[in-house]
C-alpha atoms as a PDB file:
ATOM      1  CA  MET A   1     -70.241 -44.976  82.947  1.00  0.00           C
ATOM      2  CA  LEU A   2     -71.950 -42.476  85.178  1.00  0.00           C
ATOM      3  CA  VAL A   3     -75.677 -42.146  84.498  1.00  0.00           C
ATOM      4  CA  GLU A   4     -78.422 -40.195  86.231  1.00  0.00           C
ATOM      5  CA  GLY A   5     -76.085 -38.176  88.457  1.00  0.00           C
ATOM      6  CA  ASP A   6     -73.598 -40.369  90.299  1.00  0.00           C
ATOM      7  CA  ILE A   7     -75.083 -43.800  89.521  1.00  0.00           C
ATOM      8  CA  ARG A   8     -72.455 -46.095  87.989  1.00  0.00           C
ATOM      9  CA  GLY A   9     -73.221 -48.620  85.298  1.00  0.00           C
ATOM     10  CA  VAL A  10     -71.757 -50.802  82.570  1.00  0.00           C
ATOM     11  CA  VAL A  11     -72.677 -50.649  78.889  1.00  0.00           C
ATOM     12  CA  ILE A  12     -73.977 -54.139  78.160  1.00  0.00           C
ATOM     13  CA  CYS A  13     -75.273 -53.576  74.606  1.00  0.00           C
ATOM     14  CA  ASP A  14     -74.401 -51.142  71.850  1.00  0.00           C
ATOM     15  CA  PHE A  15     -77.173 -51.373  69.267  1.00  0.00           C
ATOM     16  CA  ASP A  16     -75.556 -48.900  66.854  1.00  0.00           C
ATOM     17  CA  ASN A  17     -72.620 -51.309  66.427  1.00  0.00           C
ATOM     18  CA  TRP A  18     -74.676 -54.471  67.144  1.00  0.00           C
ATOM     19  CA  GLN A  19     -72.347 -55.588  69.954  1.00  0.00           C
ATOM     20  CA  CYS A  20     -72.872 -56.715  73.535  1.00  0.00           C
ATOM     21  CA  LEU A  21     -71.045 -58.220  76.470  1.00  0.00           C
ATOM     22  CA  ALA A  22     -70.939 -61.993  76.761  1.00  0.00           C
ATOM     23  CA  GLY A  23     -74.135 -63.229  78.367  1.00  0.00           C
ATOM     24  CA  TYR A  24     -76.303 -60.427  76.988  1.00  0.00           C
ATOM     25  CA  GLU A  25     -76.605 -61.696  73.398  1.00  0.00           C
ATOM     26  CA  GLY A  26     -80.354 -62.178  73.846  1.00  0.00           C
ATOM     27  CA  TRP A  27     -80.826 -58.406  73.690  1.00  0.00           C
ATOM     28  CA  LEU A  28     -79.496 -58.351  70.118  1.00  0.00           C
ATOM     29  CA  THR A  29     -82.666 -59.401  68.333  1.00  0.00           C
ATOM     30  CA  LYS A  30     -84.913 -58.129  65.582  1.00  0.00           C
ATOM     31  CA  GLU A  31     -87.935 -59.812  67.188  1.00  0.00           C
ATOM     32  CA  GLU A  32     -90.778 -57.465  68.058  1.00  0.00           C
ATOM     33  CA  MET A  33     -90.991 -56.444  71.702  1.00  0.00           C
ATOM     34  CA  VAL A  34     -94.167 -56.182  73.746  1.00  0.00           C
ATOM     35  CA  GLY A  35     -95.829 -52.972  72.574  1.00  0.00           C
ATOM     36  CA  GLY A  36     -94.158 -53.139  69.156  1.00  0.00           C
ATOM     37  CA  GLY A  37     -90.784 -52.302  67.716  1.00  0.00           C
ATOM     38  CA  PHE A  38     -87.344 -53.488  68.759  1.00  0.00           C
ATOM     39  CA  LEU A  39     -84.163 -51.945  70.127  1.00  0.00           C
ATOM     40  CA  SER A  40     -82.169 -50.781  67.117  1.00  0.00           C
ATOM     41  CA  SER A  41     -80.114 -47.817  68.336  1.00  0.00           C
ATOM     42  CA  GLY A  42     -78.373 -46.497  71.401  1.00  0.00           C
ATOM     43  CA  VAL A  43     -77.027 -48.422  74.370  1.00  0.00           C
ATOM     44  CA  LEU A  44     -78.237 -50.475  77.316  1.00  0.00           C
ATOM     45  CA  ILE A  45     -76.512 -49.649  80.592  1.00  0.00           C
ATOM     46  CA  GLU A  46     -76.867 -51.956  83.603  1.00  0.00           C
ATOM     47  CA  THR A  47     -76.745 -50.385  87.060  1.00  0.00           C
ATOM     48  CA  ALA A  48     -77.141 -51.846  90.543  1.00  0.00           C
ATOM     49  CA  GLU A  49     -79.363 -48.984  91.698  1.00  0.00           C
ATOM     50  CA  ILE A  50     -81.900 -48.586  88.868  1.00  0.00           C
ATOM     51  CA  GLY A  51     -81.467 -51.739  86.797  1.00  0.00           C
ATOM     52  CA  ILE A  52     -81.073 -51.697  83.016  1.00  0.00           C
ATOM     53  CA  VAL A  53     -81.575 -48.366  81.266  1.00  0.00           C
ATOM     54  CA  HIS A  54     -81.897 -47.827  77.497  1.00  0.00           C
ATOM     55  CA  TYR A  55     -80.563 -44.619  75.982  1.00  0.00           C
ATOM     56  CA  ALA A  56     -81.691 -44.376  72.334  1.00  0.00           C
ATOM     57  CA  LEU A  57     -79.829 -41.107  71.770  1.00  0.00           C
ATOM     58  CA  PRO A  58     -76.627 -39.583  73.166  1.00  0.00           C
ATOM     59  CA  ASP A  59     -77.238 -38.005  76.571  1.00  0.00           C
ATOM     60  CA  ASP A  60     -75.088 -35.278  78.124  1.00  0.00           C
ATOM     61  CA  GLU A  61     -75.742 -36.810  81.554  1.00  0.00           C
ATOM     62  CA  ILE A  62     -73.728 -39.963  80.680  1.00  0.00           C
ATOM     63  CA  ALA A  63     -69.990 -39.791  81.376  1.00  0.00           C
ATOM     64  CA  LEU A  64     -67.326 -42.393  80.631  1.00  0.00           C
ATOM     65  CA  VAL A  65     -65.458 -43.309  83.818  1.00  0.00           C
ATOM     66  CA  ALA A  66     -63.284 -46.162  82.556  1.00  0.00           C
ATOM     67  CA  ARG A  67     -63.006 -48.311  79.476  1.00  0.00           C
ATOM     68  CA  ALA A  68     -62.827 -52.074  79.928  1.00  0.00           C
ATOM     69  CA  GLU A  69     -59.660 -53.718  78.711  1.00  0.00           C
ATOM     70  CA  ALA A  70     -60.063 -56.123  75.808  1.00  0.00           C
ATOM     71  CA  ASP A  71     -59.775 -59.788  76.754  1.00  0.00           C
ATOM     72  CA  PRO A  72     -56.425 -61.032  75.354  1.00  0.00           C
ATOM     73  CA  HIS A  73     -57.845 -64.589  75.320  1.00  0.00           C
ATOM     74  CA  PRO A  74     -61.214 -64.422  73.499  1.00  0.00           C
END
């Protein structure tokens, strides 16, 4: 994914489909966060430059660069 201009990142959680990459399962929770509420929609994208970014709604600035291949040996 390209986010915020030319910064590359990886979608680590998809809250609309309640899925995440292995190792990020802790983000899929209905427990209240500091300040109230919980992440229930959108995606989390991890980048090296700006860390983890949450997009609650579709954003025209995000562009798919490549789709990860499914692991044939889950």
